Protein backbone atom coordinates (compact mmCIF):
# COMPACT_ATOMS: atom_id res chain seq x y z
CA MET A 1 -34.96 -19.91 50.44
CA GLY A 2 -32.14 -18.43 48.37
CA ARG A 3 -32.02 -14.84 47.20
CA ILE A 4 -33.36 -15.63 43.76
CA ALA A 5 -36.22 -18.05 43.09
CA PRO A 6 -37.94 -18.48 39.74
CA TYR A 7 -41.69 -17.91 39.78
CA LEU A 8 -43.42 -19.86 37.00
CA LEU A 9 -46.96 -19.41 35.82
CA TYR A 10 -49.21 -22.36 34.99
CA GLU A 11 -52.73 -22.64 33.66
CA ASP A 12 -53.13 -25.70 35.90
CA ALA A 13 -50.79 -25.16 38.85
CA ALA A 14 -52.08 -28.29 40.68
CA ALA A 15 -51.15 -30.51 37.73
CA ALA A 16 -47.81 -28.72 37.44
CA ILE A 17 -47.06 -29.49 41.10
CA ASP A 18 -47.86 -33.15 40.53
CA PHE A 19 -45.70 -33.33 37.45
CA LEU A 20 -42.68 -31.39 38.85
CA THR A 21 -42.58 -33.57 42.02
CA LYS A 22 -42.87 -36.82 40.07
CA ALA A 23 -40.70 -36.05 37.02
CA PHE A 24 -38.08 -33.70 38.41
CA GLY A 25 -37.96 -34.65 42.08
CA PHE A 26 -39.19 -31.43 43.67
CA GLU A 27 -40.79 -31.48 47.13
CA GLU A 28 -44.00 -29.51 47.72
CA VAL A 29 -43.51 -27.06 50.62
CA VAL A 30 -46.42 -24.58 50.34
CA ARG A 31 -49.77 -24.69 48.48
CA MET A 32 -52.30 -21.89 48.71
CA GLU A 33 -55.68 -22.53 47.09
CA ASP A 34 -58.74 -20.45 46.53
CA GLU A 35 -61.92 -22.18 45.34
CA GLY A 36 -59.88 -25.13 44.10
CA ILE A 37 -57.34 -23.06 42.16
CA VAL A 38 -53.69 -23.07 43.25
CA ASN A 39 -52.82 -19.37 43.38
CA HIS A 40 -49.38 -19.86 44.89
CA ALA A 41 -47.05 -22.75 45.68
CA GLU A 42 -43.45 -23.31 46.63
CA LEU A 43 -41.44 -26.38 45.66
CA ARG A 44 -37.97 -27.24 46.88
CA LEU A 45 -35.11 -29.28 45.42
CA GLY A 46 -32.34 -29.52 48.02
CA ASP A 47 -31.75 -26.05 49.38
CA ASP A 48 -33.28 -24.22 46.41
CA SER A 49 -36.83 -23.25 45.65
CA VAL A 50 -39.13 -22.50 42.73
CA MET A 51 -42.48 -20.80 43.19
CA LEU A 52 -45.50 -21.14 40.92
CA GLY A 53 -49.09 -20.19 40.59
CA TYR A 54 -52.10 -19.49 38.43
CA PRO A 55 -51.90 -16.02 36.81
CA GLY A 56 -55.51 -15.63 35.71
CA ASP A 57 -57.63 -16.43 32.66
CA SER A 58 -55.72 -14.22 30.18
CA TYR A 59 -52.50 -16.16 30.62
CA LYS A 60 -51.30 -18.65 27.98
CA SER A 61 -48.70 -21.25 28.84
CA PRO A 62 -45.64 -21.50 26.57
CA LYS A 63 -47.20 -24.62 24.96
CA ARG A 64 -50.23 -22.59 23.85
CA ALA A 65 -48.36 -19.35 23.15
CA ASP A 66 -45.87 -21.00 20.78
CA HIS A 67 -42.87 -19.25 22.32
CA ARG A 68 -40.44 -19.63 25.20
CA SER A 69 -39.49 -16.65 27.27
CA ALA A 70 -37.42 -18.32 30.00
CA LEU A 71 -35.30 -21.34 30.93
CA VAL A 72 -34.88 -22.74 34.39
CA HIS A 73 -31.46 -24.29 34.87
CA VAL A 74 -30.98 -26.72 37.81
CA TYR A 75 -27.86 -28.49 38.96
CA VAL A 76 -28.47 -32.09 40.16
CA ASP A 77 -26.22 -34.69 41.72
CA ASP A 78 -26.60 -37.27 38.90
CA VAL A 79 -27.92 -35.90 35.64
CA ASP A 80 -28.23 -39.31 34.01
CA ALA A 81 -30.39 -40.70 36.80
CA HIS A 82 -32.46 -37.50 36.83
CA PHE A 83 -32.93 -37.81 33.06
CA GLU A 84 -34.23 -41.37 33.43
CA ARG A 85 -36.66 -40.28 36.12
CA ALA A 86 -38.00 -37.36 34.03
CA LYS A 87 -38.30 -39.50 30.91
CA ALA A 88 -40.15 -42.23 32.80
CA ALA A 89 -42.57 -39.64 34.19
CA GLY A 90 -43.38 -38.39 30.69
CA ALA A 91 -41.29 -35.22 30.44
CA GLU A 92 -40.85 -34.13 26.79
CA ILE A 93 -37.10 -34.53 26.25
CA VAL A 94 -35.58 -31.77 24.08
CA THR A 95 -31.97 -32.97 24.30
CA GLU A 96 -30.58 -36.11 25.93
CA PRO A 97 -27.67 -35.92 28.42
CA THR A 98 -24.60 -34.66 26.60
CA ASP A 99 -21.17 -33.53 27.75
CA GLN A 100 -20.86 -29.79 27.16
CA GLU A 101 -17.60 -27.97 26.29
CA TYR A 102 -18.05 -25.67 29.30
CA GLY A 103 -17.73 -28.62 31.73
CA ASP A 104 -21.30 -29.81 32.45
CA ARG A 105 -23.21 -32.87 31.41
CA ARG A 106 -26.69 -31.57 30.57
CA TYR A 107 -30.13 -32.45 29.24
CA ASP A 108 -33.14 -30.30 28.45
CA ALA A 109 -36.87 -31.05 28.86
CA LEU A 110 -40.28 -29.46 28.67
CA ASP A 111 -42.83 -29.84 31.38
CA LEU A 112 -46.56 -30.48 30.86
CA GLU A 113 -47.24 -26.83 29.91
CA GLY A 114 -44.13 -26.31 27.83
CA GLN A 115 -41.91 -24.59 30.42
CA PHE A 116 -38.27 -25.14 29.42
CA TRP A 117 -36.04 -26.85 31.98
CA SER A 118 -32.32 -27.64 31.79
CA PHE A 119 -30.60 -30.03 34.22
CA SER A 120 -26.86 -30.61 34.56
CA THR A 121 -24.06 -32.04 36.66
CA PRO A 122 -20.47 -30.75 36.50
CA ILE A 123 -18.19 -33.24 34.82
CA GLN A 124 -15.48 -34.50 37.14
CA SER A 125 -11.96 -34.31 35.65
């Protein structure tokens, strides 16, 4: 695992794992459950990881809280193919793949609980 790994909170972490593996291509590495609730999990994409879990009953996902407090940005090998996979799996697309002035081709999407994800590939000159 790298030095920095996002830790995302989900009301339904099991559903989030299913969605993130199907839509965004993550691989499930660790899942810790207690009485059917996923308290902690680790997903991997290439050499990088994201952790997630259930924070308790008082938590509201971004979709229910009507605000975003974070963005997870991920570099992928082929952003257009990744976009097609995410779209086919039902990700809510915020912006379609677009060449950015800073040298990336990028798209943005929301997952099933409204977490904001950005995926890009450096544009080859």
